[in-house]
Full PDB file with SEQRES, HELIX, SHEET, SSBOND, CRYST1, ORIGX, SCALE, CONECT and MASTER records, all heavy atoms in Angstrom:
SEQRES   1 A   32  GLU GLU SER LEU LYS ASN GLU LEU VAL GLN GLY VAL ALA          
SEQRES   2 A   32  GLU GLU LEU LYS LYS LEU LEU GLY THR LYS VAL THR ILE          
SEQRES   3 A   32  ASP TYR ASN SER LYS SER                                      
HELIX    1 AA1 GLU A    2  LEU A   20  1                                  19    
CRYST1    1.000    1.000    1.000  90.00  90.00  90.00 P 1           1          
ORIGX1      1.000000  0.000000  0.000000        0.00000                         
ORIGX2      0.000000  1.000000  0.000000        0.00000                         
ORIGX3      0.000000  0.000000  1.000000        0.00000                         
SCALE1      1.000000  0.000000  0.000000        0.00000                         
SCALE2      0.000000  1.000000  0.000000        0.00000                         
SCALE3      0.000000  0.000000  1.000000        0.00000                         
ATOM      1  N   GLU A   1       6.999  40.298  27.098  1.00  0.00           N  
ATOM      2  CA  GLU A   1       6.161  39.423  27.939  1.00  0.00           C  
ATOM      3  C   GLU A   1       5.794  38.184  27.203  1.00  0.00           C  
ATOM      4  O   GLU A   1       5.868  37.049  27.758  1.00  0.00           O  
ATOM      5  CB  GLU A   1       4.924  40.128  28.417  1.00  0.00           C  
ATOM      6  CG  GLU A   1       5.150  41.230  29.438  1.00  0.00           C  
ATOM      7  CD  GLU A   1       3.916  42.031  29.780  1.00  0.00           C  
ATOM      8  OE1 GLU A   1       2.872  41.779  29.176  1.00  0.00           O  
ATOM      9  OE2 GLU A   1       3.986  42.961  30.606  1.00  0.00           O  
ATOM     10  N   GLU A   2       5.488  38.263  25.908  1.00  0.00           N  
ATOM     11  CA  GLU A   2       5.135  37.127  25.100  1.00  0.00           C  
ATOM     12  C   GLU A   2       6.351  36.194  24.924  1.00  0.00           C  
ATOM     13  O   GLU A   2       6.235  34.982  25.004  1.00  0.00           O  
ATOM     14  CB  GLU A   2       4.617  37.560  23.712  1.00  0.00           C  
ATOM     15  CG  GLU A   2       3.820  36.519  22.976  1.00  0.00           C  
ATOM     16  CD  GLU A   2       2.533  36.167  23.684  1.00  0.00           C  
ATOM     17  OE1 GLU A   2       1.895  36.948  24.352  1.00  0.00           O  
ATOM     18  OE2 GLU A   2       2.144  34.967  23.558  1.00  0.00           O  
ATOM     19  N   SER A   3       7.501  36.790  24.727  1.00  0.00           N  
ATOM     20  CA  SER A   3       8.767  36.022  24.585  1.00  0.00           C  
ATOM     21  C   SER A   3       9.070  35.256  25.866  1.00  0.00           C  
ATOM     22  O   SER A   3       9.409  34.079  25.866  1.00  0.00           O  
ATOM     23  CB  SER A   3       9.881  36.965  24.217  1.00  0.00           C  
ATOM     24  OG  SER A   3      11.083  36.244  24.134  1.00  0.00           O  
ATOM     25  N   LEU A   4       8.903  35.942  26.984  1.00  0.00           N  
ATOM     26  CA  LEU A   4       9.147  35.283  28.295  1.00  0.00           C  
ATOM     27  C   LEU A   4       8.144  34.164  28.500  1.00  0.00           C  
ATOM     28  O   LEU A   4       8.542  33.040  28.950  1.00  0.00           O  
ATOM     29  CB  LEU A   4       9.025  36.296  29.425  1.00  0.00           C  
ATOM     30  CG  LEU A   4       9.215  35.763  30.835  1.00  0.00           C  
ATOM     31  CD1 LEU A   4      10.597  35.140  31.023  1.00  0.00           C  
ATOM     32  CD2 LEU A   4       9.020  36.869  31.865  1.00  0.00           C  
ATOM     33  N   LYS A   5       6.913  34.354  28.156  1.00  0.00           N  
ATOM     34  CA  LYS A   5       5.909  33.343  28.329  1.00  0.00           C  
ATOM     35  C   LYS A   5       6.225  32.118  27.449  1.00  0.00           C  
ATOM     36  O   LYS A   5       6.136  30.997  27.891  1.00  0.00           O  
ATOM     37  CB  LYS A   5       4.510  33.900  27.948  1.00  0.00           C  
ATOM     38  CG  LYS A   5       3.401  32.930  28.291  1.00  0.00           C  
ATOM     39  CD  LYS A   5       2.018  33.454  27.870  1.00  0.00           C  
ATOM     40  CE  LYS A   5       1.625  34.671  28.686  1.00  0.00           C  
ATOM     41  NZ  LYS A   5       0.264  35.101  28.341  1.00  0.00           N  
ATOM     42  N   ASN A   6       6.670  32.387  26.245  1.00  0.00           N  
ATOM     43  CA  ASN A   6       7.071  31.300  25.337  1.00  0.00           C  
ATOM     44  C   ASN A   6       8.231  30.474  25.866  1.00  0.00           C  
ATOM     45  O   ASN A   6       8.251  29.285  25.816  1.00  0.00           O  
ATOM     46  CB  ASN A   6       7.384  31.813  23.948  1.00  0.00           C  
ATOM     47  CG  ASN A   6       6.150  32.278  23.192  1.00  0.00           C  
ATOM     48  OD1 ASN A   6       5.059  31.873  23.474  1.00  0.00           O  
ATOM     49  ND2 ASN A   6       6.363  33.166  22.215  1.00  0.00           N  
ATOM     50  N   GLU A   7       9.218  31.212  26.461  1.00  0.00           N  
ATOM     51  CA  GLU A   7      10.336  30.530  27.074  1.00  0.00           C  
ATOM     52  C   GLU A   7       9.903  29.630  28.250  1.00  0.00           C  
ATOM     53  O   GLU A   7      10.410  28.523  28.416  1.00  0.00           O  
ATOM     54  CB  GLU A   7      11.382  31.510  27.550  1.00  0.00           C  
ATOM     55  CG  GLU A   7      12.190  32.135  26.390  1.00  0.00           C  
ATOM     56  CD  GLU A   7      13.205  33.146  26.954  1.00  0.00           C  
ATOM     57  OE1 GLU A   7      13.822  32.847  27.997  1.00  0.00           O  
ATOM     58  OE2 GLU A   7      13.387  34.141  26.287  1.00  0.00           O  
ATOM     59  N   LEU A   8       9.038  30.154  29.066  1.00  0.00           N  
ATOM     60  CA  LEU A   8       8.485  29.394  30.220  1.00  0.00           C  
ATOM     61  C   LEU A   8       7.743  28.124  29.784  1.00  0.00           C  
ATOM     62  O   LEU A   8       7.902  27.057  30.305  1.00  0.00           O  
ATOM     63  CB  LEU A   8       7.646  30.259  31.099  1.00  0.00           C  
ATOM     64  CG  LEU A   8       8.378  31.369  31.814  1.00  0.00           C  
ATOM     65  CD1 LEU A   8       7.346  32.311  32.537  1.00  0.00           C  
ATOM     66  CD2 LEU A   8       9.327  30.852  32.869  1.00  0.00           C  
ATOM     67  N   VAL A   9       6.949  28.286  28.729  1.00  0.00           N  
ATOM     68  CA  VAL A   9       6.191  27.175  28.209  1.00  0.00           C  
ATOM     69  C   VAL A   9       7.115  26.132  27.649  1.00  0.00           C  
ATOM     70  O   VAL A   9       6.979  24.896  27.878  1.00  0.00           O  
ATOM     71  CB  VAL A   9       5.170  27.641  27.151  1.00  0.00           C  
ATOM     72  CG1 VAL A   9       4.559  26.501  26.369  1.00  0.00           C  
ATOM     73  CG2 VAL A   9       4.029  28.468  27.813  1.00  0.00           C  
ATOM     74  N   GLN A  10       8.168  26.578  26.921  1.00  0.00           N  
ATOM     75  CA  GLN A  10       9.145  25.627  26.398  1.00  0.00           C  
ATOM     76  C   GLN A  10       9.883  24.905  27.556  1.00  0.00           C  
ATOM     77  O   GLN A  10      10.198  23.682  27.415  1.00  0.00           O  
ATOM     78  CB  GLN A  10      10.127  26.340  25.488  1.00  0.00           C  
ATOM     79  CG  GLN A  10       9.626  26.601  24.108  1.00  0.00           C  
ATOM     80  CD  GLN A  10       9.173  25.342  23.435  1.00  0.00           C  
ATOM     81  OE1 GLN A  10       7.993  25.175  23.201  1.00  0.00           O  
ATOM     82  NE2 GLN A  10      10.062  24.473  23.058  1.00  0.00           N  
ATOM     83  N   GLY A  11      10.136  25.615  28.611  1.00  0.00           N  
ATOM     84  CA  GLY A  11      10.762  24.987  29.755  1.00  0.00           C  
ATOM     85  C   GLY A  11       9.923  23.888  30.367  1.00  0.00           C  
ATOM     86  O   GLY A  11      10.416  22.829  30.756  1.00  0.00           O  
ATOM     87  N   VAL A  12       8.654  24.166  30.454  1.00  0.00           N  
ATOM     88  CA  VAL A  12       7.701  23.157  31.007  1.00  0.00           C  
ATOM     89  C   VAL A  12       7.636  21.989  30.044  1.00  0.00           C  
ATOM     90  O   VAL A  12       7.619  20.816  30.496  1.00  0.00           O  
ATOM     91  CB  VAL A  12       6.297  23.803  31.208  1.00  0.00           C  
ATOM     92  CG1 VAL A  12       5.245  22.714  31.505  1.00  0.00           C  
ATOM     93  CG2 VAL A  12       6.329  24.828  32.305  1.00  0.00           C  
ATOM     94  N   ALA A  13       7.601  22.242  28.734  1.00  0.00           N  
ATOM     95  CA  ALA A  13       7.612  21.090  27.779  1.00  0.00           C  
ATOM     96  C   ALA A  13       8.832  20.242  27.961  1.00  0.00           C  
ATOM     97  O   ALA A  13       8.754  19.022  27.936  1.00  0.00           O  
ATOM     98  CB  ALA A  13       7.490  21.646  26.348  1.00  0.00           C  
ATOM     99  N   GLU A  14      10.001  20.859  28.170  1.00  0.00           N  
ATOM    100  CA  GLU A  14      11.248  20.101  28.359  1.00  0.00           C  
ATOM    101  C   GLU A  14      11.193  19.314  29.678  1.00  0.00           C  
ATOM    102  O   GLU A  14      11.615  18.143  29.722  1.00  0.00           O  
ATOM    103  CB  GLU A  14      12.432  21.053  28.373  1.00  0.00           C  
ATOM    104  CG  GLU A  14      12.874  21.493  27.028  1.00  0.00           C  
ATOM    105  CD  GLU A  14      13.328  20.383  26.125  1.00  0.00           C  
ATOM    106  OE1 GLU A  14      14.103  19.467  26.569  1.00  0.00           O  
ATOM    107  OE2 GLU A  14      12.857  20.325  24.928  1.00  0.00           O  
ATOM    108  N   GLU A  15      10.633  19.917  30.707  1.00  0.00           N  
ATOM    109  CA  GLU A  15      10.517  19.192  31.969  1.00  0.00           C  
ATOM    110  C   GLU A  15       9.586  18.005  31.877  1.00  0.00           C  
ATOM    111  O   GLU A  15       9.941  16.912  32.347  1.00  0.00           O  
ATOM    112  CB  GLU A  15       9.956  20.157  33.072  1.00  0.00           C  
ATOM    113  CG  GLU A  15       9.848  19.543  34.421  1.00  0.00           C  
ATOM    114  CD  GLU A  15       9.367  20.561  35.471  1.00  0.00           C  
ATOM    115  OE1 GLU A  15       9.081  21.734  35.111  1.00  0.00           O  
ATOM    116  OE2 GLU A  15       9.270  20.147  36.601  1.00  0.00           O  
ATOM    117  N   LEU A  16       8.458  18.163  31.153  1.00  0.00           N  
ATOM    118  CA  LEU A  16       7.567  17.029  30.976  1.00  0.00           C  
ATOM    119  C   LEU A  16       8.212  15.967  30.133  1.00  0.00           C  
ATOM    120  O   LEU A  16       7.994  14.745  30.349  1.00  0.00           O  
ATOM    121  CB  LEU A  16       6.285  17.485  30.308  1.00  0.00           C  
ATOM    122  CG  LEU A  16       5.300  18.282  31.215  1.00  0.00           C  
ATOM    123  CD1 LEU A  16       4.159  18.860  30.395  1.00  0.00           C  
ATOM    124  CD2 LEU A  16       4.779  17.395  32.341  1.00  0.00           C  
ATOM    125  N   LYS A  17       8.974  16.370  29.115  1.00  0.00           N  
ATOM    126  CA  LYS A  17       9.661  15.400  28.249  1.00  0.00           C  
ATOM    127  C   LYS A  17      10.583  14.553  29.096  1.00  0.00           C  
ATOM    128  O   LYS A  17      10.648  13.294  28.966  1.00  0.00           O  
ATOM    129  CB  LYS A  17      10.498  16.161  27.176  1.00  0.00           C  
ATOM    130  CG  LYS A  17      11.304  15.233  26.292  1.00  0.00           C  
ATOM    131  CD  LYS A  17      12.130  16.085  25.310  1.00  0.00           C  
ATOM    132  CE  LYS A  17      13.000  15.240  24.490  1.00  0.00           C  
ATOM    133  NZ  LYS A  17      13.826  16.018  23.545  1.00  0.00           N  
ATOM    134  N   LYS A  18      11.330  15.152  30.073  1.00  0.00           N  
ATOM    135  CA  LYS A  18      12.238  14.391  30.891  1.00  0.00           C  
ATOM    136  C   LYS A  18      11.454  13.492  31.865  1.00  0.00           C  
ATOM    137  O   LYS A  18      11.849  12.337  32.091  1.00  0.00           O  
ATOM    138  CB  LYS A  18      13.139  15.355  31.684  1.00  0.00           C  
ATOM    139  CG  LYS A  18      14.154  16.027  30.839  1.00  0.00           C  
ATOM    140  CD  LYS A  18      14.971  17.042  31.605  1.00  0.00           C  
ATOM    141  CE  LYS A  18      15.917  17.821  30.694  1.00  0.00           C  
ATOM    142  NZ  LYS A  18      16.607  18.869  31.396  1.00  0.00           N  
ATOM    143  N   LEU A  19      10.392  13.981  32.426  1.00  0.00           N  
ATOM    144  CA  LEU A  19       9.623  13.207  33.399  1.00  0.00           C  
ATOM    145  C   LEU A  19       8.902  12.014  32.698  1.00  0.00           C  
ATOM    146  O   LEU A  19       8.867  10.898  33.275  1.00  0.00           O  
ATOM    147  CB  LEU A  19       8.515  14.070  34.018  1.00  0.00           C  
ATOM    148  CG  LEU A  19       8.986  15.118  35.045  1.00  0.00           C  
ATOM    149  CD1 LEU A  19       7.872  16.061  35.404  1.00  0.00           C  
ATOM    150  CD2 LEU A  19       9.509  14.374  36.306  1.00  0.00           C  
ATOM    151  N   LEU A  20       8.395  12.231  31.478  1.00  0.00           N  
ATOM    152  CA  LEU A  20       7.640  11.200  30.844  1.00  0.00           C  
ATOM    153  C   LEU A  20       8.499  10.343  29.889  1.00  0.00           C  
ATOM    154  O   LEU A  20       8.041   9.260  29.469  1.00  0.00           O  
ATOM    155  CB  LEU A  20       6.477  11.829  30.065  1.00  0.00           C  
ATOM    156  CG  LEU A  20       5.417  12.529  30.908  1.00  0.00           C  
ATOM    157  CD1 LEU A  20       4.451  13.296  30.032  1.00  0.00           C  
ATOM    158  CD2 LEU A  20       4.735  11.596  31.825  1.00  0.00           C  
ATOM    159  N   GLY A  21       9.682  10.804  29.509  1.00  0.00           N  
ATOM    160  CA  GLY A  21      10.543  10.043  28.622  1.00  0.00           C  
ATOM    161  C   GLY A  21      10.085  10.027  27.198  1.00  0.00           C  
ATOM    162  O   GLY A  21      10.419   9.062  26.447  1.00  0.00           O  
ATOM    163  N   THR A  22       9.358  11.048  26.768  1.00  0.00           N  
ATOM    164  CA  THR A  22       8.903  11.110  25.419  1.00  0.00           C  
ATOM    165  C   THR A  22       8.658  12.511  25.020  1.00  0.00           C  
ATOM    166  O   THR A  22       8.679  13.441  25.869  1.00  0.00           O  
ATOM    167  CB  THR A  22       7.613  10.266  25.194  1.00  0.00           C  
ATOM    168  OG1 THR A  22       7.328  10.108  23.826  1.00  0.00           O  
ATOM    169  CG2 THR A  22       6.426  10.898  25.934  1.00  0.00           C  
ATOM    170  N   LYS A  23       8.461  12.753  23.734  1.00  0.00           N  
ATOM    171  CA  LYS A  23       8.313  14.110  23.199  1.00  0.00           C  
ATOM    172  C   LYS A  23       7.019  14.713  23.720  1.00  0.00           C  
ATOM    173  O   LYS A  23       5.939  14.059  23.727  1.00  0.00           O  
ATOM    174  CB  LYS A  23       8.263  14.087  21.659  1.00  0.00           C  
ATOM    175  CG  LYS A  23       8.109  15.434  21.014  1.00  0.00           C  
ATOM    176  CD  LYS A  23       8.176  15.337  19.498  1.00  0.00           C  
ATOM    177  CE  LYS A  23       7.899  16.673  18.845  1.00  0.00           C  
ATOM    178  NZ  LYS A  23       7.890  16.608  17.415  1.00  0.00           N  
ATOM    179  N   VAL A  24       7.071  15.981  24.126  1.00  0.00           N  
ATOM    180  CA  VAL A  24       5.895  16.703  24.627  1.00  0.00           C  
ATOM    181  C   VAL A  24       5.908  18.052  23.947  1.00  0.00           C  
ATOM    182  O   VAL A  24       6.912  18.773  23.875  1.00  0.00           O  
ATOM    183  CB  VAL A  24       5.957  16.942  26.165  1.00  0.00           C  
ATOM    184  CG1 VAL A  24       4.797  17.781  26.657  1.00  0.00           C  
ATOM    185  CG2 VAL A  24       5.915  15.567  26.886  1.00  0.00           C  
ATOM    186  N   THR A  25       4.730  18.442  23.382  1.00  0.00           N  
ATOM    187  CA  THR A  25       4.598  19.763  22.785  1.00  0.00           C  
ATOM    188  C   THR A  25       3.450  20.483  23.470  1.00  0.00           C  
ATOM    189  O   THR A  25       2.454  19.879  23.875  1.00  0.00           O  
ATOM    190  CB  THR A  25       4.342  19.725  21.288  1.00  0.00           C  
ATOM    191  OG1 THR A  25       3.164  18.901  21.013  1.00  0.00           O  
ATOM    192  CG2 THR A  25       5.527  19.132  20.521  1.00  0.00           C  
ATOM    193  N   ILE A  26       3.647  21.789  23.636  1.00  0.00           N  
ATOM    194  CA  ILE A  26       2.623  22.641  24.234  1.00  0.00           C  
ATOM    195  C   ILE A  26       2.224  23.734  23.251  1.00  0.00           C  
ATOM    196  O   ILE A  26       3.081  24.458  22.802  1.00  0.00           O  
ATOM    197  CB  ILE A  26       3.097  23.236  25.582  1.00  0.00           C  
ATOM    198  CG1 ILE A  26       3.483  22.142  26.558  1.00  0.00           C  
ATOM    199  CG2 ILE A  26       2.020  24.150  26.188  1.00  0.00           C  
ATOM    200  CD1 ILE A  26       4.073  22.623  27.858  1.00  0.00           C  
ATOM    201  N   ASP A  27       0.955  23.796  22.944  1.00  0.00           N  
ATOM    202  CA  ASP A  27       0.414  24.874  22.120  1.00  0.00           C  
ATOM    203  C   ASP A  27      -0.319  25.813  23.056  1.00  0.00           C  
ATOM    204  O   ASP A  27      -1.399  25.547  23.513  1.00  0.00           O  
ATOM    205  CB  ASP A  27      -0.528  24.252  21.081  1.00  0.00           C  
ATOM    206  CG  ASP A  27      -1.219  25.278  20.167  1.00  0.00           C  
ATOM    207  OD1 ASP A  27      -0.699  26.415  20.142  1.00  0.00           O  
ATOM    208  OD2 ASP A  27      -2.185  24.971  19.544  1.00  0.00           O  
ATOM    209  N   TYR A  28       0.315  26.941  23.336  1.00  0.00           N  
ATOM    210  CA  TYR A  28      -0.189  27.880  24.352  1.00  0.00           C  
ATOM    211  C   TYR A  28      -0.445  29.205  23.655  1.00  0.00           C  
ATOM    212  O   TYR A  28       0.437  29.761  23.018  1.00  0.00           O  
ATOM    213  CB  TYR A  28       0.839  28.060  25.460  1.00  0.00           C  
ATOM    214  CG  TYR A  28       0.356  28.882  26.649  1.00  0.00           C  
ATOM    215  CD1 TYR A  28      -0.264  28.275  27.696  1.00  0.00           C  
ATOM    216  CD2 TYR A  28       0.561  30.229  26.694  1.00  0.00           C  
ATOM    217  CE1 TYR A  28      -0.650  28.984  28.819  1.00  0.00           C  
ATOM    218  CE2 TYR A  28       0.155  30.980  27.783  1.00  0.00           C  
ATOM    219  CZ  TYR A  28      -0.484  30.360  28.818  1.00  0.00           C  
ATOM    220  OH  TYR A  28      -0.863  31.119  29.892  1.00  0.00           O  
ATOM    221  N   ASN A  29      -1.684  29.730  23.726  1.00  0.00           N  
ATOM    222  CA  ASN A  29      -1.975  31.025  23.092  1.00  0.00           C  
ATOM    223  C   ASN A  29      -2.007  32.149  24.087  1.00  0.00           C  
ATOM    224  O   ASN A  29      -1.957  31.920  25.301  1.00  0.00           O  
ATOM    225  CB  ASN A  29      -3.207  30.897  22.224  1.00  0.00           C  
ATOM    226  CG  ASN A  29      -4.502  30.841  23.046  1.00  0.00           C  
ATOM    227  OD1 ASN A  29      -4.594  31.357  24.112  1.00  0.00           O  
ATOM    228  ND2 ASN A  29      -5.476  30.144  22.500  1.00  0.00           N  
ATOM    229  N   SER A  30      -2.139  33.310  23.601  1.00  0.00           N  
ATOM    230  CA  SER A  30      -2.042  34.520  24.472  1.00  0.00           C  
ATOM    231  C   SER A  30      -3.278  34.672  25.375  1.00  0.00           C  
ATOM    232  O   SER A  30      -3.261  35.526  26.223  1.00  0.00           O  
ATOM    233  CB  SER A  30      -1.881  35.742  23.583  1.00  0.00           C  
ATOM    234  OG  SER A  30      -2.962  35.902  22.724  1.00  0.00           O  
ATOM    235  N   LYS A  31      -4.309  33.901  25.177  1.00  0.00           N  
ATOM    236  CA  LYS A  31      -5.507  34.001  26.037  1.00  0.00           C  
ATOM    237  C   LYS A  31      -5.471  32.938  27.144  1.00  0.00           C  
ATOM    238  O   LYS A  31      -6.472  32.595  27.707  1.00  0.00           O  
ATOM    239  CB  LYS A  31      -6.725  33.808  25.177  1.00  0.00           C  
ATOM    240  CG  LYS A  31      -6.897  34.925  24.148  1.00  0.00           C  
ATOM    241  CD  LYS A  31      -8.106  34.702  23.289  1.00  0.00           C  
ATOM    242  CE  LYS A  31      -8.198  35.803  22.227  1.00  0.00           C  
ATOM    243  NZ  LYS A  31      -9.268  35.574  21.272  1.00  0.00           N  
ATOM    244  N   SER A  32      -4.299  32.461  27.496  1.00  0.00           N  
ATOM    245  CA  SER A  32      -4.065  31.477  28.561  1.00  0.00           C  
ATOM    246  C   SER A  32      -4.863  30.212  28.314  1.00  0.00           C  
ATOM    247  O   SER A  32      -5.370  29.556  29.258  1.00  0.00           O  
ATOM    248  CB  SER A  32      -4.455  32.051  29.903  1.00  0.00           C  
ATOM    249  OG  SER A  32      -3.647  33.180  30.201  1.00  0.00           O  
TER     250      SER A  32                                                      
MASTER        0    0    0    1    0    0    0    6  249    1    0    3          
END                                                                             
């Protein structure tokens, strides 16, 4: 579940990167 959540968060970071045209990082912990 943690691995899947990390993949989803990385996918969102990539989507934001494309939308905004710049590097985006997401620091997401297990407590939402």
